[in-house]
Amino acid sequence: MFKILLIEDDFSLLFTLEKLLECLGYSAIAADNGNDGLLLYEKNPSIDIILCDIDTPLLDGFQFLQRIQGGSRKVPPFAFISAYVDIKVVQKTKAMGADCVIKKPIDQEILKIILLALQMKRELEQT
């Protein structure tokens, strides 16, 4: 079962996404801010995919990604989540090494496709 780290500060969206991920067959661990997300990442070396809101308190998504990139392990497939997506945001996330940006409100079918693509990427990295 693939383990997904979900970082989102909107509690209703966090709860909804966590339950949706579980219904889709993923194991989800969740944090409502970047600092807690970083702690969960450090304590869970088996995380397969990260979904991270860009605008989170204490440590934003960009800072979170930079911190884990500076660590000793390879960063798993990584998708940002944001309500505000424009060409500058997409360019910045790509330049940082993120796989994609998911726009809020999140379409369930699009999320399924993105998760499958990230899962396939993870499987290829592990072979």
Protein backbone atom coordinates (compact mmCIF):
# COMPACT_ATOMS: atom_id res chain seq x y z
CA MET A 1 0.00 0.00 0.00
CA PHE A 2 1.40 3.37 -1.01
CA LYS A 3 1.90 5.86 1.82
CA ILE A 4 1.08 9.50 1.10
CA LEU A 5 2.12 12.46 3.22
CA LEU A 6 -0.58 15.12 2.95
CA ILE A 7 0.14 18.66 4.15
CA GLU A 8 -2.85 21.04 4.08
CA ASP A 9 -3.88 23.78 6.51
CA ASP A 10 -7.58 23.87 5.56
CA PHE A 11 -9.01 21.35 8.04
CA SER A 12 -12.07 20.45 6.00
CA LEU A 13 -10.00 19.84 2.86
CA LEU A 14 -7.37 17.96 4.88
CA PHE A 15 -10.03 15.66 6.33
CA THR A 16 -11.76 15.18 2.97
CA LEU A 17 -8.54 14.41 1.11
CA GLU A 18 -7.33 12.06 3.83
CA LYS A 19 -10.56 10.06 3.65
CA LEU A 20 -10.56 10.11 -0.16
CA LEU A 21 -6.98 8.83 -0.29
CA GLU A 22 -7.89 6.01 2.07
CA CYS A 23 -10.94 5.13 -0.06
CA LEU A 24 -8.65 4.99 -3.09
CA GLY A 25 -6.46 2.43 -1.33
CA TYR A 26 -3.64 4.67 -0.12
CA SER A 27 -2.33 5.01 3.39
CA ALA A 28 -2.46 8.70 4.31
CA ILE A 29 -0.67 10.57 7.05
CA ALA A 30 -1.63 14.20 7.46
CA ALA A 31 -0.27 17.46 8.83
CA ASP A 32 -1.89 20.86 8.98
CA ASN A 33 1.34 22.86 8.72
CA GLY A 34 4.77 22.56 7.16
CA ASN A 35 6.65 22.00 10.42
CA ASP A 36 4.48 19.05 11.40
CA GLY A 37 4.77 17.76 7.83
CA LEU A 38 8.55 17.88 8.11
CA LEU A 39 8.46 15.94 11.38
CA LEU A 40 6.19 13.29 9.84
CA TYR A 41 8.47 13.05 6.80
CA GLU A 42 11.53 12.55 9.01
CA LYS A 43 9.77 9.89 11.13
CA ASN A 44 8.37 7.97 8.14
CA PRO A 45 11.07 6.86 5.70
CA SER A 46 8.52 4.79 3.78
CA ILE A 47 6.57 7.78 2.39
CA ASP A 48 5.94 7.16 -1.31
CA ILE A 49 4.24 10.40 -2.42
CA ILE A 50 3.92 13.90 -0.98
CA LEU A 51 0.96 16.23 -1.56
CA CYS A 52 1.72 19.65 -0.10
CA ASP A 53 -0.23 22.89 -0.05
CA ILE A 54 1.95 25.83 -1.07
CA ASP A 55 0.53 28.25 1.49
CA THR A 56 0.88 26.48 4.84
CA PRO A 57 1.69 28.07 8.20
CA LEU A 58 5.01 27.85 10.02
CA LEU A 59 6.82 26.45 6.97
CA ASP A 60 5.30 26.99 3.53
CA GLY A 61 5.31 24.37 0.80
CA PHE A 62 8.32 25.86 -0.98
CA GLN A 63 10.34 25.92 2.25
CA PHE A 64 9.20 22.39 3.06
CA LEU A 65 10.41 21.08 -0.30
CA GLN A 66 13.75 22.87 0.05
CA ARG A 67 14.26 21.37 3.49
CA ILE A 68 13.61 17.80 2.40
CA GLN A 69 15.74 18.26 -0.71
CA GLY A 70 18.63 19.13 1.62
CA GLY A 71 18.20 15.86 3.48
CA SER A 72 19.96 12.56 3.02
CA ARG A 73 17.21 10.63 1.25
CA LYS A 74 15.77 10.95 -2.23
CA VAL A 75 12.63 13.07 -2.35
CA PRO A 76 9.60 10.97 -3.36
CA PRO A 77 7.24 12.12 -6.11
CA PHE A 78 5.96 15.51 -5.02
CA ALA A 79 2.84 17.48 -5.96
CA PHE A 80 1.99 20.94 -4.75
CA ILE A 81 -1.61 21.94 -4.04
CA SER A 82 -2.72 25.55 -4.49
CA ALA A 83 -5.78 27.71 -4.97
CA TYR A 84 -3.66 30.19 -6.93
CA VAL A 85 -2.03 28.68 -9.98
CA ASP A 86 -0.59 30.81 -12.74
CA ILE A 87 2.38 30.44 -15.06
CA LYS A 88 4.81 31.89 -12.48
CA VAL A 89 3.71 29.37 -9.84
CA VAL A 90 4.00 26.48 -12.31
CA GLN A 91 7.45 27.62 -13.41
CA LYS A 92 8.65 27.98 -9.82
CA THR A 93 7.35 24.57 -8.77
CA LYS A 94 8.96 22.91 -11.80
CA ALA A 95 12.26 24.73 -11.17
CA MET A 96 12.18 23.42 -7.60
CA GLY A 97 11.74 19.85 -8.80
CA ALA A 98 8.06 19.27 -8.04
CA ASP A 99 6.22 16.90 -10.35
CA CYS A 100 3.05 19.00 -10.68
CA VAL A 101 0.65 21.49 -9.12
CA ILE A 102 -2.91 20.48 -8.32
CA LYS A 103 -5.36 23.38 -8.42
CA LYS A 104 -8.02 23.83 -5.75
CA PRO A 105 -10.82 22.98 -5.73
CA ILE A 106 -9.45 19.53 -6.42
CA ASP A 107 -11.29 17.45 -8.99
CA GLN A 108 -11.46 13.85 -7.76
CA GLU A 109 -10.93 12.31 -11.20
CA ILE A 110 -7.92 14.50 -11.94
CA LEU A 111 -6.49 13.64 -8.52
CA LYS A 112 -6.84 9.92 -9.28
CA ILE A 113 -4.92 10.33 -12.55
CA ILE A 114 -2.18 12.37 -10.88
CA LEU A 115 -1.84 9.84 -8.08
CA LEU A 116 -1.52 6.98 -10.57
CA ALA A 117 1.19 8.88 -12.45
CA LEU A 118 3.07 9.64 -9.21
CA GLN A 119 2.67 6.02 -8.11
CA MET A 120 4.11 4.79 -11.41
CA LYS A 121 7.02 7.21 -11.06
CA ARG A 122 7.71 5.91 -7.56
CA GLU A 123 7.59 2.31 -8.72
CA LEU A 124 10.08 3.07 -11.52
CA GLU A 125 12.42 4.81 -9.06
CA GLN A 126 12.43 1.74 -6.84
CA THR A 127 13.42 -0.69 -9.58
